[in-house]
C-alpha cells in the first residue's frame, strides 16, 4: 500500500507541472544539437528523439522531483534554472542546455536528490522506455551517455 501511495504521489506532482507543447519538432532538434550528450548523434536520431520528448513547465520553487522518487527519465533544460539539493545542501545549479537524471536512463533507482525550479523553467523529458527503444539506433548517443557518466565519476575523485 505504501509503495502504491508513493507512486500516486509522484504522478500527482508530475501532473502539476504544466505540459509545454510550444516547441515544434524542428525547434527540439535544433535545441538538442547544443546539448553535449547529443553531440555525436545523427540528424535522423535527433529527429527520432525530438518526436519522443515531452515538454514540461515548472514554476519558480516548484519541485520537479523529490529525493526517493522513482528514477524513470532524464530531463534537459530548455530555459530556466534548477537547483539540485540534498536537504538544505545545494549540490548543483543547472541552466539552459544542462540535463539531469541521466542515471535514470540506465537503471531504475530512487532519485538521489531533490530537483526544483529556481525560476520558471521549461524542460524536456526523455523516458527510460523511449531511451531503451532508441539506444541501438545510434551509437553516438550511447557514447555521449558514457562520456557524461565517466566524467561525473571522475569528478568524484
Protein backbone atom coordinates (compact mmCIF):
# COMPACT_ATOMS: atom_id res chain seq x y z
CA UNK A 1 0.00 0.00 0.00
CA UNK A 2 2.73 2.43 0.91
CA UNK A 3 4.50 1.92 -2.40
CA UNK A 4 1.24 2.44 -4.29
CA UNK A 5 0.77 5.72 -2.45
CA UNK A 6 4.35 6.64 -3.27
CA UNK A 7 3.74 6.29 -6.99
CA UNK A 8 0.38 8.09 -6.84
CA UNK A 9 2.05 10.99 -5.01
CA UNK A 10 4.83 11.10 -7.63
CA UNK A 11 2.41 11.14 -10.56
CA UNK A 12 0.18 13.72 -8.87
CA UNK A 13 3.18 16.04 -8.57
CA UNK A 14 4.25 15.34 -12.14
CA UNK A 15 0.79 16.32 -13.37
CA UNK A 16 1.09 19.66 -11.55
CA UNK A 17 3.89 20.53 -13.95
CA UNK A 18 2.24 22.10 -16.96
CA UNK A 19 2.58 20.48 -20.36
CA UNK A 20 4.77 22.64 -22.56
CA UNK A 21 4.00 21.80 -26.14
CA UNK A 22 5.04 25.04 -27.79
CA UNK A 23 8.27 23.65 -29.24
CA UNK A 24 8.00 22.17 -32.71
CA UNK A 25 9.93 19.03 -33.61
CA UNK A 26 12.35 21.21 -35.61
CA UNK A 27 12.92 23.50 -32.61
CA UNK A 28 13.54 20.49 -30.36
CA UNK A 29 16.07 19.14 -32.89
CA UNK A 30 17.86 22.47 -33.06
CA UNK A 31 17.93 22.70 -29.27
CA UNK A 32 19.23 19.14 -28.83
CA UNK A 33 22.23 19.85 -31.08
CA UNK A 34 23.51 22.24 -28.38
CA UNK A 35 23.25 19.65 -25.58
CA UNK A 36 26.58 17.84 -25.20
CA UNK A 37 25.05 14.43 -24.57
CA UNK A 38 23.56 14.54 -28.09
CA UNK A 39 26.66 15.97 -29.78
CA UNK A 40 27.68 12.75 -31.55
CA UNK A 41 24.25 11.71 -32.78
CA UNK A 42 22.95 11.71 -36.33
CA UNK A 43 20.25 14.03 -37.69
CA UNK A 44 17.91 11.05 -38.02
CA UNK A 45 18.43 10.13 -34.38
CA UNK A 46 17.84 13.74 -33.27
CA UNK A 47 14.59 13.72 -35.23
CA UNK A 48 13.59 10.48 -33.55
CA UNK A 49 14.40 11.89 -30.11
CA UNK A 50 12.63 15.19 -30.80
CA UNK A 51 9.38 13.37 -31.53
CA UNK A 52 9.59 11.49 -28.21
CA UNK A 53 10.49 14.33 -25.86
CA UNK A 54 7.67 15.64 -23.69
CA UNK A 55 7.89 19.30 -22.73
CA UNK A 56 7.08 20.37 -19.17
CA UNK A 57 6.95 23.73 -17.42
CA UNK A 58 7.78 24.21 -13.74
CA UNK A 59 7.01 27.36 -11.77
CA UNK A 60 9.69 29.00 -9.65
CA UNK A 61 10.38 26.94 -6.50
CA UNK A 62 8.33 24.00 -7.79
CA UNK A 63 9.74 20.51 -7.30
CA UNK A 64 10.47 18.67 -10.50
CA UNK A 65 11.12 15.55 -8.45
CA UNK A 66 11.97 14.66 -4.85
CA UNK A 67 14.68 12.51 -3.39
CA UNK A 68 13.37 8.95 -3.33
CA UNK A 69 11.01 9.37 -6.30
CA UNK A 70 11.33 6.62 -8.92
CA UNK A 71 14.02 7.47 -11.46
CA UNK A 72 12.49 6.79 -14.84
CA UNK A 73 13.54 9.71 -17.05
CA UNK A 74 16.24 12.23 -17.88
CA UNK A 75 15.37 15.93 -18.20
CA UNK A 76 17.05 18.59 -20.35
CA UNK A 77 16.59 22.27 -19.51
CA UNK A 78 15.21 24.25 -22.45
CA UNK A 79 15.15 27.51 -20.48
CA UNK A 80 15.39 28.48 -16.84
CA UNK A 81 17.43 27.23 -13.91
CA UNK A 82 17.17 24.35 -11.47
CA UNK A 83 18.70 23.55 -8.11
CA UNK A 84 19.79 20.05 -7.21
CA UNK A 85 19.72 19.67 -3.45
CA UNK A 86 20.06 17.14 -0.68
CA UNK A 87 18.22 18.70 2.22
CA UNK A 88 19.46 22.27 2.55
CA UNK A 89 22.77 21.49 0.80
CA UNK A 90 22.87 22.69 -2.83
CA UNK A 91 24.72 20.09 -4.88
CA UNK A 92 24.48 21.88 -8.21
CA UNK A 93 22.84 24.72 -10.13
CA UNK A 94 21.95 23.96 -13.71
CA UNK A 95 20.66 26.11 -16.57
CA UNK A 96 19.72 26.03 -20.25
CA UNK A 97 21.20 23.04 -22.17
CA UNK A 98 22.14 21.23 -18.95
CA UNK A 99 20.49 17.92 -18.11
CA UNK A 100 19.80 15.91 -15.00
CA UNK A 101 18.59 12.43 -14.12
CA UNK A 102 20.79 10.71 -16.69
CA UNK A 103 21.35 7.70 -14.41
CA UNK A 104 17.62 7.01 -14.69
CA UNK A 105 18.15 6.05 -18.34
CA UNK A 106 20.39 3.18 -17.28
CA UNK A 107 18.93 1.79 -14.05
CA UNK A 108 15.70 2.22 -12.08
CA UNK A 109 16.87 3.62 -8.74
CA UNK A 110 15.17 6.11 -6.49
CA UNK A 111 16.22 9.72 -7.12
CA UNK A 112 19.26 10.65 -5.04
CA UNK A 113 18.41 14.34 -4.64
CA UNK A 114 15.67 16.95 -4.88
CA UNK A 115 15.42 18.99 -8.09
CA UNK A 116 13.41 22.20 -8.09
CA UNK A 117 13.00 25.13 -10.45
CA UNK A 118 14.99 28.18 -9.31
CA UNK A 119 12.87 30.29 -11.69
CA UNK A 120 10.20 29.47 -14.24
CA UNK A 121 11.78 26.59 -16.12
CA UNK A 122 10.96 24.59 -19.23
CA UNK A 123 12.37 21.08 -19.58
CA UNK A 124 12.00 18.21 -22.00
CA UNK A 125 11.74 14.70 -20.59
CA UNK A 126 13.19 11.52 -22.10
CA UNK A 127 11.79 8.37 -20.51
CA UNK A 128 13.83 5.25 -19.87
CA UNK A 129 11.47 3.27 -22.11
CA UNK A 130 11.97 5.66 -25.03
CA UNK A 131 15.72 5.64 -24.43
CA UNK A 132 15.81 1.82 -24.44
CA UNK A 133 13.79 1.66 -27.64
CA UNK A 134 16.17 4.03 -29.47
CA UNK A 135 19.55 3.10 -27.96
CA UNK A 136 20.51 0.69 -30.70
CA UNK A 137 19.51 3.21 -33.40
CA UNK A 138 22.56 5.42 -32.87
CA UNK A 139 25.75 4.51 -31.01
CA UNK A 140 26.68 8.21 -30.80
CA UNK A 141 24.06 8.73 -28.12
CA UNK A 142 25.35 5.76 -26.13
CA UNK A 143 28.88 7.23 -26.40
CA UNK A 144 27.54 10.59 -25.21
CA UNK A 145 25.89 8.98 -22.17
CA UNK A 146 29.07 7.05 -21.33
CA UNK A 147 31.21 10.20 -21.58
CA UNK A 148 28.90 12.03 -19.19
CA UNK A 149 28.82 9.17 -16.69
CA UNK A 150 32.59 8.73 -16.78
CA UNK A 151 33.11 12.48 -16.42
CA UNK A 152 30.83 12.62 -13.40
CA UNK A 153 32.58 9.67 -11.81
CA UNK A 154 35.99 11.30 -12.40
CA UNK A 155 34.77 14.46 -10.67
CA UNK A 156 34.04 12.44 -7.54
CA UNK A 157 37.74 11.63 -7.08
